[in-house]
Amino acid sequence: RKKERVDQNSASNASSLYFPEWIYKDLEKEDSGRLITNDGISNEEDETLKKMTLVGLWCIQSSPSNRPPMNRVVEMMEGSLEALEVP
C-alpha cells in the first residue's frame, strides 16, 4: 500500500515537469531505464539510445535557430556519444 502512494507521488511529480526537463534529469542520473526498459540490450544499443535522446533534445529546442540542420543531425548520430553536448 505504501509503495502505491510512493508511485503515485512520483507520477504526480513527473507529470508536473516539462517533458524535456524530465529527460534531462533522467540522463543526468544515467537512468534511461525509466524511459525505455534496457534489459537485455547491448552496450552499443544503449549508446544509440542515449545518442537518439540527446539528438532529439537538440531537435526540439524552443527556438528554431537553435535546432541543428539535418546534416548535423546525421553527423551527431554517426559520431561518438562522448562528443555530443547536452543542449
Protein backbone atom coordinates (compact mmCIF):
# COMPACT_ATOMS: atom_id res chain seq x y z
CA ARG A 1 0.00 0.00 0.00
CA LYS A 2 2.81 2.38 0.90
CA LYS A 3 4.57 1.60 -2.40
CA GLU A 4 1.41 2.62 -4.29
CA ARG A 5 1.49 6.03 -2.58
CA VAL A 6 5.16 6.49 -3.44
CA ASP A 7 4.46 5.55 -7.07
CA GLN A 8 1.54 8.00 -7.21
CA ASN A 9 3.69 10.79 -5.75
CA SER A 10 6.44 10.06 -8.27
CA ALA A 11 3.93 10.12 -11.11
CA SER A 12 2.48 13.37 -9.85
CA ASN A 13 5.91 14.98 -9.66
CA ALA A 14 6.86 13.65 -13.09
CA SER A 15 3.71 14.99 -14.71
CA SER A 16 4.36 18.46 -13.32
CA LEU A 17 7.78 18.59 -15.00
CA TYR A 18 8.17 19.80 -18.55
CA PHE A 19 8.91 16.64 -20.54
CA PRO A 20 12.40 17.65 -21.78
CA GLU A 21 13.38 18.58 -18.21
CA TRP A 22 12.35 15.11 -17.12
CA ILE A 23 14.55 13.61 -19.83
CA TYR A 24 17.49 15.82 -18.80
CA LYS A 25 17.14 14.68 -15.20
CA ASP A 26 16.90 11.08 -16.34
CA LEU A 27 20.07 11.42 -18.42
CA GLU A 28 21.94 13.09 -15.57
CA LYS A 29 21.17 10.10 -13.37
CA GLU A 30 22.11 7.80 -16.25
CA ASP A 31 18.83 6.04 -15.59
CA SER A 32 17.42 5.75 -19.08
CA GLY A 33 15.68 2.57 -17.96
CA ARG A 34 12.75 4.68 -16.81
CA LEU A 35 12.13 5.87 -20.35
CA ILE A 36 12.81 2.61 -22.12
CA THR A 37 13.46 -0.66 -20.37
CA ASN A 38 17.00 -1.55 -21.31
CA ASP A 39 17.01 -5.11 -20.02
CA GLY A 40 18.88 -7.34 -22.39
CA ILE A 41 20.18 -4.67 -24.76
CA SER A 42 23.82 -4.42 -25.71
CA ASN A 43 26.14 -1.54 -24.83
CA GLU A 44 26.04 -0.47 -28.47
CA GLU A 45 22.24 -0.31 -28.40
CA ASP A 46 22.35 1.60 -25.11
CA GLU A 47 24.76 4.11 -26.65
CA THR A 48 22.48 4.52 -29.67
CA LEU A 49 19.53 5.08 -27.33
CA LYS A 50 21.42 7.82 -25.49
CA LYS A 51 22.54 9.43 -28.77
CA MET A 52 18.99 9.44 -30.09
CA THR A 53 17.77 11.00 -26.86
CA LEU A 54 20.39 13.78 -26.95
CA VAL A 55 19.86 14.46 -30.65
CA GLY A 56 16.12 14.54 -30.04
CA LEU A 57 16.62 17.14 -27.32
CA TRP A 58 18.59 19.26 -29.79
CA CYS A 59 15.83 18.91 -32.38
CA ILE A 60 13.06 20.15 -30.07
CA GLN A 61 14.74 23.36 -28.97
CA SER A 62 12.21 26.17 -28.47
CA SER A 63 13.98 28.45 -30.90
CA PRO A 64 14.22 27.02 -34.42
CA SER A 65 17.58 28.73 -34.89
CA ASN A 66 19.00 26.53 -32.10
CA ARG A 67 17.92 23.32 -33.83
CA PRO A 68 20.57 21.51 -35.87
CA PRO A 69 20.18 21.09 -39.63
CA MET A 70 19.70 17.52 -40.86
CA ASN A 71 23.31 17.14 -41.98
CA ARG A 72 24.41 18.00 -38.42
CA VAL A 73 21.88 15.51 -37.01
CA VAL A 74 23.42 12.79 -39.18
CA GLU A 75 26.92 13.78 -38.02
CA MET A 76 25.78 13.67 -34.41
CA MET A 77 24.30 10.20 -34.84
CA GLU A 78 27.39 8.89 -36.64
CA GLY A 79 29.82 10.42 -34.13
CA SER A 80 30.70 9.27 -30.65
CA LEU A 81 28.44 9.70 -27.67
CA GLU A 82 31.22 11.49 -25.78
CA ALA A 83 31.37 14.18 -28.48
CA LEU A 84 27.70 15.07 -28.03
CA GLU A 85 26.89 18.02 -25.83
CA VAL A 86 23.68 18.36 -23.88
CA PRO A 87 21.69 21.25 -25.35
